[in-house]
C-alpha atoms as a PDB file:
ATOM      1  CA  MET A   1       0.074  -0.060   0.266  1.00  0.00           C
ATOM      2  CA  THR A   2       1.657   3.147  -0.951  1.00  0.00           C
ATOM      3  CA  PHE A   3       1.413   6.332   1.429  1.00  0.00           C
ATOM      4  CA  LYS A   4      -1.017   8.159  -0.679  1.00  0.00           C
ATOM      5  CA  THR A   5      -3.297   5.016  -0.711  1.00  0.00           C
ATOM      6  CA  PHE A   6      -2.797   4.687   3.206  1.00  0.00           C
ATOM      7  CA  PHE A   7      -3.199   8.598   4.048  1.00  0.00           C
ATOM      8  CA  ALA A   8      -6.905   8.428   1.674  1.00  0.00           C
ATOM      9  CA  ALA A   9      -8.538   5.751   3.722  1.00  0.00           C
ATOM     10  CA  ALA A  10      -7.291   6.797   6.964  1.00  0.00           C
ATOM     11  CA  ALA A  11      -9.176  10.555   6.554  1.00  0.00           C
ATOM     12  CA  ILE A  12     -12.087   8.434   5.156  1.00  0.00           C
ATOM     13  CA  ALA A  13     -11.971   6.616   8.213  1.00  0.00           C
ATOM     14  CA  VAL A  14     -11.586   9.720  10.227  1.00  0.00           C
ATOM     15  CA  SER A  15     -14.415  11.454   8.218  1.00  0.00           C
ATOM     16  CA  SER A  16     -16.587   9.215   9.166  1.00  0.00           C
ATOM     17  CA  LEU A  17     -15.978   8.901  12.356  1.00  0.00           C
ATOM     18  CA  PHE A  18     -17.031  12.389  12.668  1.00  0.00           C
ATOM     19  CA  ALA A  19     -20.161  12.155  10.839  1.00  0.00           C
ATOM     20  CA  VAL A  20     -22.096   9.953  13.259  1.00  0.00           C
ATOM     21  CA  ALA A  21     -20.798  12.479  15.820  1.00  0.00           C
ATOM     22  CA  LEU A  22     -22.353  15.392  14.372  1.00  0.00           C
ATOM     23  CA  PRO A  23     -25.770  16.759  15.953  1.00  0.00           C
ATOM     24  CA  ALA A  24     -28.788  16.214  13.663  1.00  0.00           C
ATOM     25  CA  SER A  25     -28.385  18.093  10.506  1.00  0.00           C
ATOM     26  CA  ALA A  26     -31.437  20.215   8.451  1.00  0.00           C
ATOM     27  CA  ASP A  27     -32.833  18.914   5.840  1.00  0.00           C
ATOM     28  CA  THR A  28     -33.621  22.414   4.222  1.00  0.00           C
ATOM     29  CA  GLY A  29     -31.906  25.667   4.852  1.00  0.00           C
ATOM     30  CA  ALA A  30     -33.553  28.318   6.625  1.00  0.00           C
ATOM     31  CA  ARG A  31     -35.622  30.335   3.646  1.00  0.00           C
ATOM     32  CA  ALA A  32     -37.859  33.116   4.087  1.00  0.00           C
ATOM     33  CA  PHE A  33     -41.750  32.215   3.573  1.00  0.00           C
ATOM     34  CA  ASP A  34     -42.619  32.273  -0.487  1.00  0.00           C
ATOM     35  CA  VAL A  35     -45.826  33.758   0.272  1.00  0.00           C
ATOM     36  CA  ALA A  36     -47.175  36.399   2.441  1.00  0.00           C
ATOM     37  CA  GLU A  37     -50.996  37.240   2.399  1.00  0.00           C
ATOM     38  CA  LYS A  38     -50.405  39.027   5.711  1.00  0.00           C
ATOM     39  CA  PRO A  39     -47.419  40.503   7.648  1.00  0.00           C
ATOM     40  CA  LEU A  40     -45.028  37.800   7.605  1.00  0.00           C
ATOM     41  CA  ASN A  41     -41.351  37.933   7.779  1.00  0.00           C
ATOM     42  CA  GLY A  42     -38.435  35.895   9.438  1.00  0.00           C
ATOM     43  CA  SER A  43     -36.894  32.409   7.815  1.00  0.00           C
ATOM     44  CA  TRP A  44     -37.976  28.830   9.215  1.00  0.00           C
ATOM     45  CA  SER A  45     -36.264  25.345   8.156  1.00  0.00           C
ATOM     46  CA  ILE A  46     -37.061  21.953   8.544  1.00  0.00           C
ATOM     47  CA  GLU A  47     -34.786  19.929  10.894  1.00  0.00           C
ATOM     48  CA  THR A  48     -34.364  16.325  11.632  1.00  0.00           C
ATOM     49  CA  ARG A  49     -32.812  15.035  14.801  1.00  0.00           C
ATOM     50  CA  ASP A  50     -32.819  11.556  16.565  1.00  0.00           C
ATOM     51  CA  ASP A  51     -36.017  11.869  18.178  1.00  0.00           C
ATOM     52  CA  GLY A  52     -37.997  13.315  14.772  1.00  0.00           C
ATOM     53  CA  ALA A  53     -37.957  16.375  12.687  1.00  0.00           C
ATOM     54  CA  TYR A  54     -39.636  19.718  13.252  1.00  0.00           C
ATOM     55  CA  ILE A  55     -40.477  22.891  11.966  1.00  0.00           C
ATOM     56  CA  VAL A  56     -38.264  25.704  12.995  1.00  0.00           C
ATOM     57  CA  LEU A  57     -39.035  29.420  13.017  1.00  0.00           C
ATOM     58  CA  SER A  58     -36.244  31.593  13.819  1.00  0.00           C
ATOM     59  CA  ASP A  59     -35.304  34.335  16.400  1.00  0.00           C
ATOM     60  CA  ASP A  60     -36.382  37.108  12.957  1.00  0.00           C
ATOM     61  CA  PHE A  61     -39.930  35.099  12.964  1.00  0.00           C
ATOM     62  CA  ARG A  62     -42.723  37.809  12.878  1.00  0.00           C
ATOM     63  CA  THR A  63     -46.134  38.145  12.203  1.00  0.00           C
ATOM     64  CA  SER A  64     -49.166  39.907  12.680  1.00  0.00           C
ATOM     65  CA  ASN A  65     -51.477  38.792  15.475  1.00  0.00           C
ATOM     66  CA  ALA A  66     -55.045  36.683  15.323  1.00  0.00           C
ATOM     67  CA  PRO A  67     -57.039  34.768  17.677  1.00  0.00           C
ATOM     68  CA  ASP A  68     -56.586  31.412  16.146  1.00  0.00           C
ATOM     69  CA  LEU A  69     -53.181  30.810  13.844  1.00  0.00           C
ATOM     70  CA  LYS A  70     -51.979  27.113  13.251  1.00  0.00           C
ATOM     71  CA  ILE A  71     -48.800  25.666  11.122  1.00  0.00           C
ATOM     72  CA  PHE A  72     -49.859  23.346   8.739  1.00  0.00           C
ATOM     73  CA  LEU A  73     -48.346  20.938   6.344  1.00  0.00           C
ATOM     74  CA  SER A  74     -49.911  21.110   2.774  1.00  0.00           C
ATOM     75  CA  GLN A  75     -50.051  19.032  -0.114  1.00  0.00           C
ATOM     76  CA  GLN A  76     -51.193  22.174  -1.918  1.00  0.00           C
ATOM     77  CA  ASP A  77     -48.121  24.517  -3.563  1.00  0.00           C
ATOM     78  CA  VAL A  78     -48.219  27.680  -1.318  1.00  0.00           C
ATOM     79  CA  ASN A  79     -49.002  29.412  -4.626  1.00  0.00           C
ATOM     80  CA  ASP A  80     -52.645  27.765  -5.113  1.00  0.00           C
ATOM     81  CA  VAL A  81     -53.471  27.992  -1.693  1.00  0.00           C
ATOM     82  CA  ARG A  82     -56.344  30.517  -0.700  1.00  0.00           C
ATOM     83  CA  ASP A  83     -57.898  31.635   2.547  1.00  0.00           C
ATOM     84  CA  ARG A  84     -61.033  28.565   2.836  1.00  0.00           C
ATOM     85  CA  THR A  85     -58.785  25.942   1.225  1.00  0.00           C
ATOM     86  CA  ALA A  86     -55.727  26.286   3.131  1.00  0.00           C
ATOM     87  CA  THR A  87     -56.535  23.425   5.265  1.00  0.00           C
ATOM     88  CA  ARG A  88     -57.609  21.036   2.479  1.00  0.00           C
ATOM     89  CA  ASP A  89     -54.956  18.189   2.043  1.00  0.00           C
ATOM     90  CA  ALA A  90     -53.660  19.510   5.063  1.00  0.00           C
ATOM     91  CA  VAL A  91     -52.334  17.821   8.062  1.00  0.00           C
ATOM     92  CA  LEU A  92     -52.310  20.394  11.336  1.00  0.00           C
ATOM     93  CA  VAL A  93     -48.868  20.407  12.573  1.00  0.00           C
ATOM     94  CA  SER A  94     -49.720  23.075  16.468  1.00  0.00           C
ATOM     95  CA  LYS A  95     -51.205  26.044  17.452  1.00  0.00           C
ATOM     96  CA  LEU A  96     -48.588  29.018  16.542  1.00  0.00           C
ATOM     97  CA  LYS A  97     -47.329  29.320  20.154  1.00  0.00           C
ATOM     98  CA  SER A  98     -46.036  33.132  19.739  1.00  0.00           C
ATOM     99  CA  THR A  99     -46.519  35.686  16.542  1.00  0.00           C
ATOM    100  CA  SER A 100     -42.702  36.560  17.095  1.00  0.00           C
ATOM    101  CA  GLY A 101     -39.676  34.893  17.702  1.00  0.00           C
ATOM    102  CA  ALA A 102     -37.773  31.684  17.717  1.00  0.00           C
ATOM    103  CA  GLN A 103     -40.047  28.539  18.156  1.00  0.00           C
ATOM    104  CA  GLU A 104     -40.319  25.094  16.996  1.00  0.00           C
ATOM    105  CA  TYR A 105     -42.569  22.620  16.204  1.00  0.00           C
ATOM    106  CA  LYS A 106     -42.461  18.861  16.047  1.00  0.00           C
ATOM    107  CA  LEU A 107     -43.775  17.159  12.833  1.00  0.00           C
ATOM    108  CA  PRO A 108     -45.935  14.156  12.631  1.00  0.00           C
ATOM    109  CA  ALA A 109     -43.796  10.862  13.487  1.00  0.00           C
ATOM    110  CA  ASP A 110     -44.703   9.942   9.951  1.00  0.00           C
ATOM    111  CA  PHE A 111     -43.562  13.069   8.130  1.00  0.00           C
ATOM    112  CA  SER A 112     -42.100  12.521   5.177  1.00  0.00           C
ATOM    113  CA  LYS A 113     -40.897  15.219   2.818  1.00  0.00           C
ATOM    114  CA  ASP A 114     -42.153  13.671  -0.349  1.00  0.00           C
ATOM    115  CA  ALA A 115     -45.802  13.699   1.185  1.00  0.00           C
ATOM    116  CA  TYR A 116     -46.085  17.234   1.617  1.00  0.00           C
ATOM    117  CA  THR A 117     -45.591  20.387  -0.742  1.00  0.00           C
ATOM    118  CA  SER A 118     -45.875  23.435   1.198  1.00  0.00           C
ATOM    119  CA  VAL A 119     -45.676  24.620   4.977  1.00  0.00           C
ATOM    120  CA  LEU A 120     -48.421  27.067   5.673  1.00  0.00           C
ATOM    121  CA  ILE A 121     -49.721  29.423   8.399  1.00  0.00           C
ATOM    122  CA  HIS A 122     -53.438  29.763   8.737  1.00  0.00           C
ATOM    123  CA  CYS A 123     -55.988  31.881  10.823  1.00  0.00           C
ATOM    124  CA  GLU A 124     -58.385  28.663  11.230  1.00  0.00           C
ATOM    125  CA  GLN A 125     -61.278  30.415  13.185  1.00  0.00           C
ATOM    126  CA  PHE A 126     -61.823  32.838  10.230  1.00  0.00           C
ATOM    127  CA  SER A 127     -60.750  30.677   7.488  1.00  0.00           C
ATOM    128  CA  VAL A 128     -57.649  33.364   6.603  1.00  0.00           C
ATOM    129  CA  PHE A 129     -54.392  32.408   4.839  1.00  0.00           C
ATOM    130  CA  TRP A 130     -51.958  34.057   6.474  1.00  0.00           C
ATOM    131  CA  GLY A 131     -48.802  32.684   4.216  1.00  0.00           C
ATOM    132  CA  GLY A 132     -46.184  30.143   3.784  1.00  0.00           C
ATOM    133  CA  ALA A 133     -43.839  28.309   2.134  1.00  0.00           C
ATOM    134  CA  ASN A 134     -43.053  25.677  -0.495  1.00  0.00           C
ATOM    135  CA  LEU A 135     -40.513  22.626   1.271  1.00  0.00           C
END
Protein backbone atom coordinates (compact mmCIF):
# COMPACT_ATOMS: atom_id res chain seq x y z
CA MET A 1 0.00 0.00 0.00
CA THR A 2 1.40 3.37 -0.97
CA PHE A 3 1.49 6.32 1.38
CA LYS A 4 -1.09 8.12 -0.78
CA THR A 5 -3.53 5.19 -0.58
CA PHE A 6 -2.97 4.81 3.17
CA PHE A 7 -3.55 8.54 3.74
CA ALA A 8 -6.80 8.48 1.69
CA ALA A 9 -8.10 5.44 3.62
CA ALA A 10 -7.24 7.09 6.95
CA ALA A 11 -9.00 10.32 5.92
CA ILE A 12 -12.17 8.39 5.00
CA ALA A 13 -12.10 6.49 8.30
CA VAL A 14 -11.65 9.68 10.35
CA SER A 15 -14.36 11.56 8.43
CA SER A 16 -16.86 8.75 9.01
CA LEU A 17 -16.16 8.94 12.76
CA PHE A 18 -16.96 12.64 12.76
CA ALA A 19 -20.08 12.12 10.63
CA VAL A 20 -21.51 9.87 13.32
CA ALA A 21 -20.71 12.39 16.05
CA LEU A 22 -22.28 15.43 14.35
CA PRO A 23 -25.54 16.79 15.79
CA ALA A 24 -28.81 16.71 13.88
CA SER A 25 -28.73 18.16 10.40
CA ALA A 26 -31.13 20.57 8.75
CA ASP A 27 -33.09 19.12 5.85
CA THR A 28 -33.84 22.56 4.49
CA GLY A 29 -31.66 25.56 5.16
CA ALA A 30 -33.25 28.59 6.75
CA ARG A 31 -35.33 30.39 4.17
CA ALA A 32 -37.99 33.06 3.91
CA PHE A 33 -41.71 32.50 3.43
CA ASP A 34 -42.62 32.41 -0.29
CA VAL A 35 -46.11 33.88 0.09
CA ALA A 36 -47.33 36.37 2.69
CA GLU A 37 -50.98 37.39 2.49
CA LYS A 38 -50.66 39.05 5.91
CA PRO A 39 -47.50 40.48 7.55
CA LEU A 40 -45.18 37.47 7.75
CA ASN A 41 -41.42 37.90 8.02
CA GLY A 42 -38.45 35.85 9.06
CA SER A 43 -37.04 32.49 8.20
CA TRP A 44 -37.92 28.88 8.82
CA SER A 45 -36.37 25.46 8.30
CA ILE A 46 -37.09 21.79 8.77
CA GLU A 47 -34.59 19.99 10.98
CA THR A 48 -34.16 16.28 11.46
CA ARG A 49 -33.10 15.22 14.95
CA ASP A 50 -32.72 11.94 16.77
CA ASP A 51 -36.30 12.18 18.08
CA GLY A 52 -37.93 13.28 14.79
CA ALA A 53 -38.37 16.21 12.43
CA TYR A 54 -39.22 19.79 13.43
CA ILE A 55 -40.36 22.98 11.75
CA VAL A 56 -38.14 25.68 13.25
CA LEU A 57 -39.03 29.37 13.08
CA SER A 58 -35.96 31.59 13.54
CA ASP A 59 -35.40 34.50 15.94
CA ASP A 60 -36.36 36.91 13.15
CA PHE A 61 -39.88 35.41 12.75
CA ARG A 62 -42.67 38.02 13.01
CA THR A 63 -46.32 38.07 12.01
CA SER A 64 -49.46 40.00 12.90
CA ASN A 65 -51.75 38.75 15.64
CA ALA A 66 -54.88 36.66 15.07
CA PRO A 67 -57.00 34.53 17.41
CA ASP A 68 -56.32 31.10 15.90
CA LEU A 69 -53.04 30.95 13.95
CA LYS A 70 -51.89 27.41 13.21
CA ILE A 71 -49.13 25.72 11.25
CA PHE A 72 -50.06 23.10 8.67
CA LEU A 73 -48.24 20.80 6.29
CA SER A 74 -50.04 20.80 2.97
CA GLN A 75 -50.07 18.82 -0.25
CA GLN A 76 -50.93 22.04 -2.13
CA ASP A 77 -48.40 24.33 -3.75
CA VAL A 78 -48.31 27.48 -1.59
CA ASN A 79 -49.16 29.61 -4.64
CA ASP A 80 -52.45 27.72 -5.09
CA VAL A 81 -53.63 28.12 -1.48
CA ARG A 82 -56.62 30.36 -0.79
CA ASP A 83 -58.34 31.32 2.48
CA ARG A 84 -61.01 28.62 2.52
CA THR A 85 -58.90 25.91 0.86
CA ALA A 86 -55.81 26.23 3.06
CA THR A 87 -56.62 23.22 5.21
CA ARG A 88 -57.67 21.00 2.31
CA ASP A 89 -55.17 18.13 1.94
CA ALA A 90 -53.32 19.50 4.97
CA VAL A 91 -52.25 18.14 8.34
CA LEU A 92 -52.33 20.30 11.46
CA VAL A 93 -48.89 20.55 13.05
CA SER A 94 -49.71 22.88 15.95
CA LYS A 95 -51.26 26.11 17.13
CA LEU A 96 -48.71 28.92 16.67
CA LYS A 97 -47.01 29.47 20.04
CA SER A 98 -46.17 33.13 19.44
CA THR A 99 -46.37 35.77 16.71
CA SER A 100 -42.67 36.53 17.09
CA GLY A 101 -39.34 34.95 17.83
CA ALA A 102 -37.74 31.54 17.72
CA GLN A 103 -39.99 28.53 18.14
CA GLU A 104 -40.18 24.94 16.98
CA TYR A 105 -42.87 22.39 16.29
CA LYS A 106 -42.42 18.63 16.20
CA LEU A 107 -43.78 17.10 13.01
CA PRO A 108 -45.86 13.91 12.93
CA ALA A 109 -43.80 10.73 13.39
CA ASP A 110 -44.59 9.61 9.84
CA PHE A 111 -43.46 12.94 8.31
CA SER A 112 -41.89 12.65 4.88
CA LYS A 113 -40.98 15.62 2.70
CA ASP A 114 -42.21 13.57 -0.26
CA ALA A 115 -45.76 13.52 1.17
CA TYR A 116 -46.12 17.32 1.50
CA THR A 117 -45.54 20.29 -0.76
CA SER A 118 -45.74 23.28 1.58
CA VAL A 119 -45.83 24.62 5.11
CA LEU A 120 -48.67 27.05 5.84
CA ILE A 121 -49.71 29.50 8.53
CA HIS A 122 -53.46 29.90 8.63
CA CYS A 123 -56.06 31.52 10.89
CA GLU A 124 -58.40 28.57 11.15
CA GLN A 125 -61.19 30.31 13.10
CA PHE A 126 -61.77 32.85 10.32
CA SER A 127 -60.45 30.80 7.37
CA VAL A 128 -57.75 33.35 6.52
CA PHE A 129 -54.55 32.18 4.83
CA TRP A 130 -51.63 34.03 6.43
CA GLY A 131 -48.80 32.73 4.25
CA GLY A 132 -46.36 29.91 3.77
CA ALA A 133 -43.63 28.36 1.69
CA ASN A 134 -43.03 25.37 -0.50
CA LEU A 135 -40.83 22.71 1.08
